[in-house]
Amino acid sequence: MADPTDAVHANRTFPSDNGCCLSSSDNAKSAHCCAGIMVRSYHRLVRIVLASRSPRRSTLLRDAGYDIEVSPADVEEHQFSDESPRTYVSR
């Protein structure tokens, strides 16, 4: 006779799982597959608007799997010589 939790453990999936790996397993490929699906699904749910002209920041976010919108703010991004650090980061 099966334990009541056997079905839950055997059929454990994540909400974003598309059927690639439907059961728990010690198989690294299976675990990687589930992790990949979770990451891609999460990234589709997150909307990022990058308010910076930094090519490095946009590259890092895209390389991490995010679809981003680059919409630079109309703000001078360099610190003025007479500007305090507090004023610089506040504007």
C-alpha atoms as a PDB file:
ATOM      1  CA  MET A   1       0.000   0.000   0.000  1.00  0.00           C
ATOM      2  CA  ALA A   2       1.353   3.413  -0.964  1.00  0.00           C
ATOM      3  CA  ASP A   3       1.935   6.145   1.538  1.00  0.00           C
ATOM      4  CA  PRO A   4      -0.358   9.205   0.963  1.00  0.00           C
ATOM      5  CA  THR A   5       2.648  11.387   0.171  1.00  0.00           C
ATOM      6  CA  ASP A   6       4.090   8.995  -2.445  1.00  0.00           C
ATOM      7  CA  ALA A   7       1.985  10.498  -5.232  1.00  0.00           C
ATOM      8  CA  VAL A   8       2.953  14.026  -4.231  1.00  0.00           C
ATOM      9  CA  HIS A   9       6.660  13.222  -4.258  1.00  0.00           C
ATOM     10  CA  ALA A  10       6.457  11.219  -7.475  1.00  0.00           C
ATOM     11  CA  ASN A  11       4.610  13.993  -9.295  1.00  0.00           C
ATOM     12  CA  ARG A  12       6.394  16.982  -7.831  1.00  0.00           C
ATOM     13  CA  THR A  13       6.823  19.656 -10.493  1.00  0.00           C
ATOM     14  CA  PHE A  14       7.383  23.359 -10.502  1.00  0.00           C
ATOM     15  CA  PRO A  15       4.691  25.731 -11.807  1.00  0.00           C
ATOM     16  CA  SER A  16       6.925  26.628 -14.755  1.00  0.00           C
ATOM     17  CA  ASP A  17       7.834  23.019 -15.587  1.00  0.00           C
ATOM     18  CA  ASN A  18       6.972  22.239 -19.193  1.00  0.00           C
ATOM     19  CA  GLY A  19       7.261  18.462 -18.940  1.00  0.00           C
ATOM     20  CA  CYS A  20      10.973  18.134 -19.562  1.00  0.00           C
ATOM     21  CA  CYS A  21      11.502  16.422 -16.233  1.00  0.00           C
ATOM     22  CA  LEU A  22       8.419  15.428 -14.338  1.00  0.00           C
ATOM     23  CA  SER A  23       9.833  13.378 -11.498  1.00  0.00           C
ATOM     24  CA  SER A  24      12.533  13.879  -8.932  1.00  0.00           C
ATOM     25  CA  SER A  25      15.783  12.224  -9.886  1.00  0.00           C
ATOM     26  CA  ASP A  26      19.444  12.210  -8.997  1.00  0.00           C
ATOM     27  CA  ASN A  27      20.141  12.530 -12.705  1.00  0.00           C
ATOM     28  CA  ALA A  28      22.154  15.739 -13.191  1.00  0.00           C
ATOM     29  CA  LYS A  29      20.795  16.288 -16.692  1.00  0.00           C
ATOM     30  CA  SER A  30      17.238  16.129 -15.387  1.00  0.00           C
ATOM     31  CA  ALA A  31      18.004  18.543 -12.551  1.00  0.00           C
ATOM     32  CA  HIS A  32      19.746  20.938 -14.954  1.00  0.00           C
ATOM     33  CA  CYS A  33      16.773  20.802 -17.288  1.00  0.00           C
ATOM     34  CA  CYS A  34      14.348  21.752 -14.526  1.00  0.00           C
ATOM     35  CA  ALA A  35      16.642  24.532 -13.354  1.00  0.00           C
ATOM     36  CA  GLY A  36      16.851  25.899 -16.897  1.00  0.00           C
ATOM     37  CA  ILE A  37      13.088  25.928 -17.288  1.00  0.00           C
ATOM     38  CA  MET A  38      12.638  27.693 -13.967  1.00  0.00           C
ATOM     39  CA  VAL A  39      15.209  30.353 -14.829  1.00  0.00           C
ATOM     40  CA  ARG A  40      13.806  31.016 -18.306  1.00  0.00           C
ATOM     41  CA  SER A  41      10.242  31.163 -17.001  1.00  0.00           C
ATOM     42  CA  TYR A  42      11.193  33.519 -14.173  1.00  0.00           C
ATOM     43  CA  HIS A  43      13.063  35.819 -16.551  1.00  0.00           C
ATOM     44  CA  ARG A  44      10.006  36.046 -18.810  1.00  0.00           C
ATOM     45  CA  LEU A  45       7.944  37.265 -15.855  1.00  0.00           C
ATOM     46  CA  VAL A  46      10.391  39.994 -14.860  1.00  0.00           C
ATOM     47  CA  ARG A  47      10.316  43.268 -16.793  1.00  0.00           C
ATOM     48  CA  ILE A  48      13.517  45.259 -16.558  1.00  0.00           C
ATOM     49  CA  VAL A  49      13.861  48.786 -17.869  1.00  0.00           C
ATOM     50  CA  LEU A  50      17.511  49.777 -17.754  1.00  0.00           C
ATOM     51  CA  ALA A  51      17.740  53.549 -17.311  1.00  0.00           C
ATOM     52  CA  SER A  52      21.430  53.542 -18.124  1.00  0.00           C
ATOM     53  CA  ARG A  53      23.447  53.870 -21.301  1.00  0.00           C
ATOM     54  CA  SER A  54      26.004  51.409 -19.939  1.00  0.00           C
ATOM     55  CA  PRO A  55      26.669  48.723 -22.555  1.00  0.00           C
ATOM     56  CA  ARG A  56      28.237  46.564 -19.852  1.00  0.00           C
ATOM     57  CA  ARG A  57      25.077  46.569 -17.716  1.00  0.00           C
ATOM     58  CA  SER A  58      22.841  45.666 -20.647  1.00  0.00           C
ATOM     59  CA  THR A  59      25.254  42.902 -21.718  1.00  0.00           C
ATOM     60  CA  LEU A  60      25.334  41.440 -18.201  1.00  0.00           C
ATOM     61  CA  LEU A  61      21.538  41.369 -17.954  1.00  0.00           C
ATOM     62  CA  ARG A  62      21.079  39.883 -21.431  1.00  0.00           C
ATOM     63  CA  ASP A  63      23.776  37.282 -20.764  1.00  0.00           C
ATOM     64  CA  ALA A  64      21.900  36.361 -17.571  1.00  0.00           C
ATOM     65  CA  GLY A  65      18.834  35.620 -19.710  1.00  0.00           C
ATOM     66  CA  TYR A  66      16.746  38.733 -19.165  1.00  0.00           C
ATOM     67  CA  ASP A  67      14.897  40.547 -21.936  1.00  0.00           C
ATOM     68  CA  ILE A  68      15.520  44.177 -21.133  1.00  0.00           C
ATOM     69  CA  GLU A  69      14.346  47.510 -22.412  1.00  0.00           C
ATOM     70  CA  VAL A  70      17.022  50.194 -22.495  1.00  0.00           C
ATOM     71  CA  SER A  71      15.538  53.618 -21.819  1.00  0.00           C
ATOM     72  CA  PRO A  72      18.302  55.945 -20.653  1.00  0.00           C
ATOM     73  CA  ALA A  73      17.284  58.623 -18.195  1.00  0.00           C
ATOM     74  CA  ASP A  74      17.951  62.202 -19.188  1.00  0.00           C
ATOM     75  CA  VAL A  75      20.444  62.633 -16.356  1.00  0.00           C
ATOM     76  CA  GLU A  76      24.147  63.379 -16.483  1.00  0.00           C
ATOM     77  CA  GLU A  77      25.731  60.162 -15.195  1.00  0.00           C
ATOM     78  CA  HIS A  78      29.144  61.605 -14.313  1.00  0.00           C
ATOM     79  CA  GLN A  79      29.984  63.178 -10.992  1.00  0.00           C
ATOM     80  CA  PHE A  80      30.705  66.880 -11.167  1.00  0.00           C
ATOM     81  CA  SER A  81      34.023  67.978  -9.643  1.00  0.00           C
ATOM     82  CA  ASP A  82      32.348  70.078  -6.923  1.00  0.00           C
ATOM     83  CA  GLU A  83      29.563  67.575  -6.215  1.00  0.00           C
ATOM     84  CA  SER A  84      29.376  65.556  -3.007  1.00  0.00           C
ATOM     85  CA  PRO A  85      28.864  61.782  -3.292  1.00  0.00           C
ATOM     86  CA  ARG A  86      25.461  62.116  -1.574  1.00  0.00           C
ATOM     87  CA  THR A  87      24.269  64.715  -4.087  1.00  0.00           C
ATOM     88  CA  TYR A  88      25.672  62.687  -6.985  1.00  0.00           C
ATOM     89  CA  VAL A  89      23.748  59.502  -6.153  1.00  0.00           C
ATOM     90  CA  SER A  90      20.573  61.412  -5.266  1.00  0.00           C
ATOM     91  CA  ARG A  91      20.028  63.114  -8.603  1.00  0.00           C
END
